[in-house]
């Protein structure tokens, strides 16, 4: 599968899968960014990506991001296939959940992209789902 990709700063490397079994490829931070304590900061990730027809970009944290005191402010990002204009650089919205400022350096790999299939649906509206209520939020227990 091929995707079209544009680097904003060509002195930073193209993204790459770091292991043969990796589901996602890492993105490099384009600009050193300081995120104050308890604030959401925006970190440019140096790429514009056009996934193939029928796919989207899932922008997710690398598993070690929380060790830095950061987490994606919106859980994870969804990049639609048509978010690929020349200026549509992927950017991470990160929440600093610590009591101190955090600096992310240019070239750091903090986020990754997983190219995922799109499942489009047709809606069938009903007045009754025909199922018992479950209650939600842990109703099946913790163990």
N, C-alpha and C. Protein backbone atom coordinates (compact mmCIF):
# COMPACT_ATOMS: atom_id res chain seq x y z
N UNK A 1 0.85 -1.17 0.00
CA UNK A 1 0.00 0.00 0.00
C UNK A 1 0.90 1.23 0.00
N UNK A 2 0.55 2.21 -0.79
CA UNK A 2 1.30 3.46 -0.84
C UNK A 2 0.44 4.59 -0.30
N UNK A 3 1.07 5.52 0.41
CA UNK A 3 0.38 6.75 0.80
C UNK A 3 1.24 7.93 0.35
N UNK A 4 0.56 9.00 0.03
CA UNK A 4 1.28 10.22 -0.32
C UNK A 4 1.56 10.97 0.98
N UNK A 5 2.80 11.46 1.10
CA UNK A 5 3.22 12.16 2.31
C UNK A 5 4.09 13.35 1.92
N UNK A 6 3.92 14.44 2.64
CA UNK A 6 4.73 15.63 2.42
C UNK A 6 5.35 16.02 3.76
N UNK A 7 6.68 16.18 3.78
CA UNK A 7 7.35 16.71 4.96
C UNK A 7 7.36 18.23 4.87
N UNK A 8 7.06 18.90 5.96
CA UNK A 8 7.14 20.35 6.02
C UNK A 8 8.61 20.77 6.07
N UNK A 9 9.39 20.10 6.92
CA UNK A 9 10.83 20.35 7.06
C UNK A 9 11.57 19.10 6.59
N UNK A 10 12.19 19.19 5.44
CA UNK A 10 12.84 18.02 4.85
C UNK A 10 14.15 17.64 5.54
N UNK A 11 14.61 18.42 6.53
CA UNK A 11 15.80 18.03 7.27
C UNK A 11 15.46 16.99 8.35
N UNK A 12 14.19 16.81 8.65
CA UNK A 12 13.76 15.74 9.55
C UNK A 12 13.47 14.49 8.72
N UNK A 13 13.67 13.31 9.31
CA UNK A 13 13.51 12.08 8.52
C UNK A 13 12.05 11.79 8.18
N UNK A 14 11.87 11.03 7.10
CA UNK A 14 10.55 10.48 6.81
C UNK A 14 10.14 9.56 7.95
N UNK A 15 8.85 9.46 8.23
CA UNK A 15 8.42 8.48 9.24
C UNK A 15 8.82 7.07 8.80
N UNK A 16 8.95 6.20 9.77
CA UNK A 16 9.26 4.81 9.45
C UNK A 16 8.72 3.89 10.53
N UNK A 17 8.45 2.66 10.12
CA UNK A 17 8.10 1.62 11.07
C UNK A 17 9.40 1.18 11.73
N UNK A 18 9.45 1.18 13.06
CA UNK A 18 10.70 0.90 13.77
C UNK A 18 10.98 -0.59 13.95
N UNK A 19 9.96 -1.43 13.84
CA UNK A 19 10.17 -2.88 13.93
C UNK A 19 9.32 -3.55 12.86
N UNK A 20 9.65 -4.79 12.48
CA UNK A 20 8.86 -5.48 11.46
C UNK A 20 7.40 -5.69 11.87
N UNK A 21 7.13 -5.78 13.17
CA UNK A 21 5.77 -6.02 13.64
C UNK A 21 5.01 -4.77 14.04
N UNK A 22 5.59 -3.60 13.84
CA UNK A 22 4.95 -2.35 14.26
C UNK A 22 3.68 -2.08 13.46
N UNK A 23 2.61 -1.71 14.15
CA UNK A 23 1.35 -1.34 13.50
C UNK A 23 1.38 0.11 13.05
N UNK A 24 2.16 0.93 13.76
CA UNK A 24 2.19 2.36 13.45
C UNK A 24 3.59 2.84 13.13
N UNK A 25 3.66 3.97 12.44
CA UNK A 25 4.95 4.61 12.18
C UNK A 25 5.02 5.91 12.97
N UNK A 26 6.21 6.18 13.51
CA UNK A 26 6.42 7.32 14.40
C UNK A 26 6.58 8.61 13.62
N UNK A 27 6.09 9.71 14.22
CA UNK A 27 6.25 11.04 13.65
C UNK A 27 7.20 11.85 14.50
N UNK A 28 8.00 12.69 13.85
CA UNK A 28 8.97 13.54 14.54
C UNK A 28 8.40 14.93 14.79
N UNK A 29 8.68 15.47 15.96
CA UNK A 29 8.28 16.84 16.30
C UNK A 29 9.08 17.81 15.45
N UNK A 30 8.40 18.77 14.83
CA UNK A 30 9.08 19.71 13.94
C UNK A 30 9.69 20.89 14.69
N UNK A 31 9.04 21.36 15.76
CA UNK A 31 9.49 22.56 16.46
C UNK A 31 9.53 22.26 17.96
N UNK A 32 10.65 22.57 18.61
CA UNK A 32 10.72 22.43 20.07
C UNK A 32 9.58 23.23 20.67
N UNK A 33 8.81 22.58 21.55
CA UNK A 33 7.60 23.17 22.10
C UNK A 33 7.56 22.98 23.60
N UNK A 34 7.28 24.07 24.33
CA UNK A 34 7.11 23.99 25.78
C UNK A 34 5.62 24.02 26.09
N UNK A 35 5.17 23.07 26.90
CA UNK A 35 3.77 23.02 27.31
C UNK A 35 3.73 23.29 28.81
N UNK A 36 3.10 24.40 29.23
CA UNK A 36 3.02 24.72 30.65
C UNK A 36 2.21 23.67 31.42
N UNK A 37 2.43 23.62 32.72
CA UNK A 37 1.70 22.71 33.60
C UNK A 37 0.19 22.91 33.45
N UNK A 38 -0.53 21.81 33.37
CA UNK A 38 -2.00 21.79 33.33
C UNK A 38 -2.58 22.55 32.13
N UNK A 39 -1.85 22.59 31.03
CA UNK A 39 -2.28 23.31 29.83
C UNK A 39 -2.22 22.35 28.63
N UNK A 40 -3.07 22.60 27.64
CA UNK A 40 -3.01 21.87 26.38
C UNK A 40 -2.09 22.64 25.44
N UNK A 41 -1.11 21.94 24.89
CA UNK A 41 -0.19 22.55 23.92
C UNK A 41 -0.33 21.86 22.57
N UNK A 42 0.11 22.56 21.55
CA UNK A 42 -0.02 22.05 20.18
C UNK A 42 1.37 21.85 19.59
N UNK A 43 1.65 20.63 19.18
CA UNK A 43 2.99 20.24 18.75
C UNK A 43 2.94 19.81 17.28
N UNK A 44 3.60 20.56 16.38
CA UNK A 44 3.58 20.22 14.95
C UNK A 44 4.41 18.97 14.67
N UNK A 45 3.87 18.09 13.81
CA UNK A 45 4.45 16.77 13.57
C UNK A 45 5.07 16.60 12.18
N UNK A 46 5.19 17.68 11.44
CA UNK A 46 6.02 17.73 10.23
C UNK A 46 5.49 17.01 9.00
N UNK A 47 4.28 16.48 9.02
CA UNK A 47 3.81 15.76 7.84
C UNK A 47 2.38 16.13 7.46
N UNK A 48 2.14 16.07 6.16
CA UNK A 48 0.80 16.04 5.58
C UNK A 48 0.68 14.64 4.98
N UNK A 49 -0.41 13.96 5.27
CA UNK A 49 -0.57 12.56 4.83
C UNK A 49 -1.90 12.41 4.10
N UNK A 50 -1.84 11.72 2.96
CA UNK A 50 -3.07 11.36 2.23
C UNK A 50 -3.17 9.84 2.19
N UNK A 51 -4.00 9.27 3.07
CA UNK A 51 -4.15 7.82 3.03
C UNK A 51 -4.91 7.39 1.78
N UNK A 52 -4.80 6.12 1.42
CA UNK A 52 -5.51 5.64 0.23
C UNK A 52 -7.03 5.70 0.41
N UNK A 53 -7.73 5.65 -0.69
CA UNK A 53 -9.19 5.59 -0.67
C UNK A 53 -9.63 4.45 0.25
N UNK A 54 -10.59 4.74 1.14
CA UNK A 54 -11.10 3.72 2.05
C UNK A 54 -10.34 3.59 3.35
N UNK A 55 -9.38 4.50 3.60
CA UNK A 55 -8.58 4.47 4.82
C UNK A 55 -8.54 5.85 5.46
N UNK A 56 -8.18 5.88 6.76
CA UNK A 56 -7.98 7.14 7.46
C UNK A 56 -6.72 7.05 8.30
N UNK A 57 -6.27 8.19 8.78
CA UNK A 57 -5.11 8.26 9.66
C UNK A 57 -5.59 8.24 11.11
N UNK A 58 -5.14 7.27 11.88
CA UNK A 58 -5.36 7.27 13.33
C UNK A 58 -4.08 7.80 13.96
N UNK A 59 -4.17 8.99 14.55
CA UNK A 59 -3.02 9.61 15.20
C UNK A 59 -3.11 9.29 16.69
N UNK A 60 -2.17 8.49 17.17
CA UNK A 60 -2.22 8.00 18.54
C UNK A 60 -0.88 8.24 19.24
N UNK A 61 -0.93 8.26 20.56
CA UNK A 61 0.28 8.44 21.36
C UNK A 61 1.16 7.21 21.26
N UNK A 62 2.46 7.41 21.28
CA UNK A 62 3.36 6.28 21.50
C UNK A 62 3.15 5.83 22.93
N UNK A 63 3.40 4.58 23.21
CA UNK A 63 3.05 4.02 24.52
C UNK A 63 3.81 4.66 25.67
N UNK A 64 4.92 5.33 25.40
CA UNK A 64 5.72 5.93 26.48
C UNK A 64 5.36 7.39 26.75
N UNK A 65 4.42 7.97 26.02
CA UNK A 65 4.14 9.40 26.16
C UNK A 65 3.75 9.78 27.59
N UNK A 66 2.98 8.94 28.26
CA UNK A 66 2.55 9.26 29.62
C UNK A 66 3.72 9.41 30.59
N UNK A 67 4.84 8.74 30.31
CA UNK A 67 6.02 8.87 31.18
C UNK A 67 6.57 10.28 31.18
N UNK A 68 6.24 11.05 30.15
CA UNK A 68 6.69 12.44 30.06
C UNK A 68 5.71 13.40 30.71
N UNK A 69 4.58 12.87 31.21
CA UNK A 69 3.57 13.71 31.83
C UNK A 69 2.60 14.31 30.83
N UNK A 70 2.48 13.65 29.68
CA UNK A 70 1.63 14.16 28.60
C UNK A 70 0.65 13.08 28.15
N UNK A 71 -0.50 13.54 27.65
CA UNK A 71 -1.47 12.65 27.04
C UNK A 71 -2.23 13.41 25.96
N UNK A 72 -2.69 12.71 24.92
CA UNK A 72 -3.47 13.41 23.90
C UNK A 72 -4.72 14.03 24.52
N UNK A 73 -4.95 15.29 24.22
CA UNK A 73 -6.07 16.01 24.81
C UNK A 73 -7.41 15.46 24.34
N UNK A 74 -7.44 14.89 23.16
CA UNK A 74 -8.70 14.39 22.60
C UNK A 74 -8.73 12.87 22.48
N UNK A 75 -7.93 12.17 23.26
CA UNK A 75 -7.89 10.71 23.18
C UNK A 75 -7.00 10.26 22.04
N UNK A 76 -7.50 10.35 20.83
CA UNK A 76 -6.67 10.12 19.65
C UNK A 76 -7.27 10.93 18.50
N UNK A 77 -6.47 11.14 17.49
CA UNK A 77 -6.91 11.96 16.37
C UNK A 77 -7.32 11.12 15.18
N UNK A 78 -8.32 11.62 14.47
CA UNK A 78 -8.77 10.99 13.24
C UNK A 78 -8.48 11.94 12.09
N UNK A 79 -7.66 11.50 11.16
CA UNK A 79 -7.36 12.29 9.98
C UNK A 79 -8.10 11.72 8.78
N UNK A 80 -9.10 12.47 8.32
CA UNK A 80 -9.86 12.02 7.17
C UNK A 80 -9.00 12.05 5.91
N UNK A 81 -9.41 11.28 4.93
CA UNK A 81 -8.65 11.19 3.69
C UNK A 81 -8.51 12.54 3.01
N UNK A 82 -9.49 13.40 3.17
CA UNK A 82 -9.45 14.70 2.50
C UNK A 82 -8.78 15.80 3.33
N UNK A 83 -8.16 15.45 4.45
CA UNK A 83 -7.34 16.39 5.22
C UNK A 83 -5.91 16.24 4.72
N UNK A 84 -5.64 16.82 3.56
CA UNK A 84 -4.31 16.61 2.97
C UNK A 84 -3.90 17.76 2.06
N UNK A 85 -4.35 18.98 2.37
CA UNK A 85 -3.86 20.14 1.63
C UNK A 85 -2.41 20.42 2.01
N UNK A 86 -1.74 21.23 1.24
CA UNK A 86 -0.32 21.51 1.49
C UNK A 86 -0.03 22.02 2.89
N UNK A 87 -0.99 22.73 3.50
CA UNK A 87 -0.78 23.27 4.84
C UNK A 87 -1.41 22.45 5.95
N UNK A 88 -1.95 21.28 5.63
CA UNK A 88 -2.65 20.46 6.63
C UNK A 88 -1.68 19.56 7.40
N UNK A 89 -0.76 20.19 8.10
CA UNK A 89 0.23 19.46 8.89
C UNK A 89 -0.45 18.80 10.09
N UNK A 90 -0.13 17.55 10.33
CA UNK A 90 -0.64 16.90 11.53
C UNK A 90 0.00 17.54 12.75
N UNK A 91 -0.83 17.77 13.76
CA UNK A 91 -0.42 18.44 14.98
C UNK A 91 -1.00 17.67 16.16
N UNK A 92 -0.19 17.44 17.18
CA UNK A 92 -0.66 16.76 18.38
C UNK A 92 -1.14 17.79 19.39
N UNK A 93 -2.37 17.62 19.86
CA UNK A 93 -2.89 18.42 20.97
C UNK A 93 -2.64 17.61 22.24
N UNK A 94 -1.70 18.09 23.07
CA UNK A 94 -1.26 17.32 24.23
C UNK A 94 -1.55 18.05 25.53
N UNK A 95 -2.10 17.32 26.49
CA UNK A 95 -2.35 17.86 27.82
C UNK A 95 -1.18 17.53 28.73
N UNK A 96 -0.60 18.56 29.33
CA UNK A 96 0.43 18.39 30.36
C UNK A 96 -0.31 18.22 31.67
N UNK A 97 -0.33 17.02 32.21
CA UNK A 97 -1.08 16.75 33.44
C UNK A 97 -0.20 16.84 34.69
N UNK A 98 0.99 17.43 34.57
CA UNK A 98 1.90 17.56 35.71
C UNK A 98 1.84 18.98 36.29
N UNK A 99 2.61 19.18 37.35
CA UNK A 99 2.70 20.50 37.99
C UNK A 99 3.90 21.29 37.50
N UNK A 100 4.55 20.85 36.44
CA UNK A 100 5.71 21.58 35.91
C UNK A 100 5.63 21.67 34.38
N UNK A 101 6.33 22.64 33.83
CA UNK A 101 6.37 22.80 32.38
C UNK A 101 7.15 21.64 31.76
N UNK A 102 6.74 21.24 30.56
CA UNK A 102 7.40 20.15 29.85
C UNK A 102 7.81 20.65 28.47
N UNK A 103 9.07 20.40 28.11
CA UNK A 103 9.56 20.77 26.79
C UNK A 103 9.74 19.52 25.95
N UNK A 104 9.19 19.56 24.75
CA UNK A 104 9.34 18.49 23.78
C UNK A 104 10.30 19.00 22.72
N UNK A 105 11.36 18.26 22.47
CA UNK A 105 12.41 18.72 21.58
C UNK A 105 12.13 18.37 20.12
N UNK A 106 12.60 19.21 19.24
CA UNK A 106 12.56 18.95 17.80
C UNK A 106 13.18 17.58 17.55
N UNK A 107 12.52 16.77 16.74
CA UNK A 107 13.01 15.44 16.42
C UNK A 107 12.51 14.34 17.34
N UNK A 108 11.95 14.70 18.51
CA UNK A 108 11.39 13.68 19.40
C UNK A 108 10.25 12.95 18.70
N UNK A 109 10.15 11.67 18.95
CA UNK A 109 9.05 10.86 18.41
C UNK A 109 8.06 10.60 19.54
N UNK A 110 6.94 11.30 19.51
CA UNK A 110 5.97 11.20 20.61
C UNK A 110 4.62 10.63 20.17
N UNK A 111 4.35 10.70 18.87
CA UNK A 111 3.07 10.24 18.33
C UNK A 111 3.34 9.25 17.19
N UNK A 112 2.33 8.45 16.88
CA UNK A 112 2.45 7.51 15.77
C UNK A 112 1.16 7.50 14.96
N UNK A 113 1.28 7.06 13.73
CA UNK A 113 0.13 6.94 12.83
C UNK A 113 -0.12 5.47 12.54
N UNK A 114 -1.37 5.07 12.65
CA UNK A 114 -1.82 3.75 12.21
C UNK A 114 -2.81 4.00 11.07
N UNK A 115 -2.52 3.48 9.90
CA UNK A 115 -3.42 3.62 8.75
C UNK A 115 -4.52 2.57 8.92
N UNK A 116 -5.76 3.03 9.00
CA UNK A 116 -6.87 2.15 9.36
C UNK A 116 -7.99 2.21 8.32
N UNK A 117 -8.70 1.09 8.12
CA UNK A 117 -9.80 1.09 7.16
C UNK A 117 -11.01 1.86 7.69
N UNK A 118 -11.73 2.45 6.77
CA UNK A 118 -12.97 3.16 7.09
C UNK A 118 -14.13 2.20 6.86
N UNK A 119 -15.04 2.13 7.82
CA UNK A 119 -16.27 1.35 7.66
C UNK A 119 -17.43 2.34 7.62
N UNK A 120 -17.98 2.56 6.44
CA UNK A 120 -19.12 3.47 6.28
C UNK A 120 -20.40 2.67 6.52
N UNK A 121 -21.38 3.29 7.16
CA UNK A 121 -22.62 2.60 7.49
C UNK A 121 -23.82 3.37 6.94
N UNK A 122 -24.93 2.67 6.84
CA UNK A 122 -26.22 3.28 6.58
C UNK A 122 -27.01 3.16 7.87
N UNK A 123 -27.68 4.22 8.26
CA UNK A 123 -28.42 4.23 9.52
C UNK A 123 -29.83 3.70 9.33
N UNK A 124 -30.27 2.88 10.27
CA UNK A 124 -31.65 2.41 10.32
C UNK A 124 -32.19 2.83 11.68
N UNK A 125 -32.97 3.89 11.70
CA UNK A 125 -33.49 4.41 12.96
C UNK A 125 -34.64 3.55 13.45
N UNK A 126 -34.63 3.26 14.76
CA UNK A 126 -35.69 2.47 15.39
C UNK A 126 -36.16 3.19 16.64
N UNK A 127 -37.34 2.84 17.11
CA UNK A 127 -37.86 3.41 18.36
C UNK A 127 -37.51 2.53 19.56
N UNK A 128 -37.20 1.27 19.33
CA UNK A 128 -36.89 0.33 20.41
C UNK A 128 -35.74 -0.55 19.93
N UNK A 129 -34.68 -0.61 20.72
CA UNK A 129 -33.52 -1.41 20.34
C UNK A 129 -33.75 -2.90 20.53
N UNK A 130 -34.75 -3.28 21.36
CA UNK A 130 -35.07 -4.70 21.54
C UNK A 130 -34.07 -5.45 22.41
N UNK A 131 -33.29 -4.73 23.20
CA UNK A 131 -32.30 -5.36 24.08
C UNK A 131 -32.48 -4.85 25.50
N UNK A 132 -32.00 -5.64 26.48
CA UNK A 132 -32.04 -5.21 27.88
C UNK A 132 -31.01 -4.11 28.11
N UNK A 133 -31.32 -3.18 29.03
CA UNK A 133 -30.36 -2.15 29.42
C UNK A 133 -29.23 -2.79 30.21
N UNK A 134 -28.01 -2.35 29.96
CA UNK A 134 -26.83 -2.90 30.64
C UNK A 134 -26.35 -2.01 31.77
N UNK A 135 -26.58 -0.71 31.71
CA UNK A 135 -26.16 0.20 32.76
C UNK A 135 -24.87 0.93 32.46
N UNK A 136 -23.93 0.31 31.76
CA UNK A 136 -22.69 0.98 31.38
C UNK A 136 -21.70 1.18 32.51
N UNK A 137 -20.52 1.66 32.18
CA UNK A 137 -19.45 2.01 33.12
C UNK A 137 -19.14 0.91 34.12
N UNK A 138 -18.68 -0.22 33.62
CA UNK A 138 -18.18 -1.27 34.49
C UNK A 138 -19.22 -2.22 35.03
N UNK A 139 -20.38 -2.32 34.41
CA UNK A 139 -21.44 -3.18 34.94
C UNK A 139 -21.11 -4.66 34.88
N UNK A 140 -20.08 -5.05 34.11
CA UNK A 140 -19.71 -6.47 34.08
C UNK A 140 -18.68 -6.81 35.15
N UNK A 141 -18.30 -5.85 35.97
CA UNK A 141 -17.34 -6.09 37.03
C UNK A 141 -15.92 -5.74 36.64
N UNK A 142 -15.01 -5.88 37.60
CA UNK A 142 -13.62 -5.52 37.37
C UNK A 142 -12.72 -6.73 37.18
N UNK A 143 -13.20 -7.92 37.52
CA UNK A 143 -12.36 -9.12 37.40
C UNK A 143 -13.10 -10.24 36.72
